[in-house]
Amino acid sequence: MSPGANPALAITATVWSVPEAERTEALATRPLLVLMHGRGSNEHDLASLFPLLPASAVIVSLRAPHRLGDGFSWFPPDQTAVPDPVAVTQATEAVFAFLDALPATGQVGLLGFSQGGGMVTQLMRLAPERFAAGVLLAGFVIPEPVPGDAVLAALRPPVFWGRDVADPVIPQSVVSLTAAWLSGHSTPVVREYPGLGHSVSREELDDVSEFLEATVL
């Protein structure tokens, strides 16, 4: 665990695609795909996508650590697309601690929706060589620079970014920053889905599955 981590912040609930009795063996022989939901949701939200994602992966959907109404948030409730850097570090350290506690795994891919997409890019920035690929669904990059950015700029890992150009939630300034950052720090696959809003579609998930099969599986 890195310095500055908050030991009280942790991943406390998950949903897995593989039963617990089979998990250790499955993790040793199959890639792991980690899902992170959006602001105000929970671990069951993206778990509903399991049947639409590659069956060859072991998939886990995480619950964010901050309570927000009936759901949860990766950052404190008053922080959205531009959270405090300390809050970002604490959230990512919680995910790293969860991953570090797992049995040995194959390649690891990350998938996040909205605020969970911000977590995907931040995790990749903090551990550039740890993750095979990332998927942002209406996601973004957090503005604060990170030391791992230079390593990512050299490695250029594959990142899928799917969104609606008319997304009513993510500010245009954050969209522009994300586009520029992905271009300079990853091998981006950018897909636009008119009329999607701030959501996910079957067409998009078909494209995501194809991307994951080419990069992680």
Foldseek 3Di string as FASTA:
>chain_A
DDPLADVVFAFDDKDKPDDPVCPQVLQAPAEEEEEEEAPFAAQVVCVVCVVLADPRYIYMGTAARADDPPGGHVFHPVDFQAGDPSSLVNSLVNVVVVVVPGHHGAAYEYEYAARSLCNRVVNCQAPVVRHFEYEYQNYFHHPDDGPSQVVLLVVAHEYEYEEAPVAPPDDPVRVVVRVVSNVRRHNYDYYHDHPQHRHDDSVNSNVVNVVCVVTPD
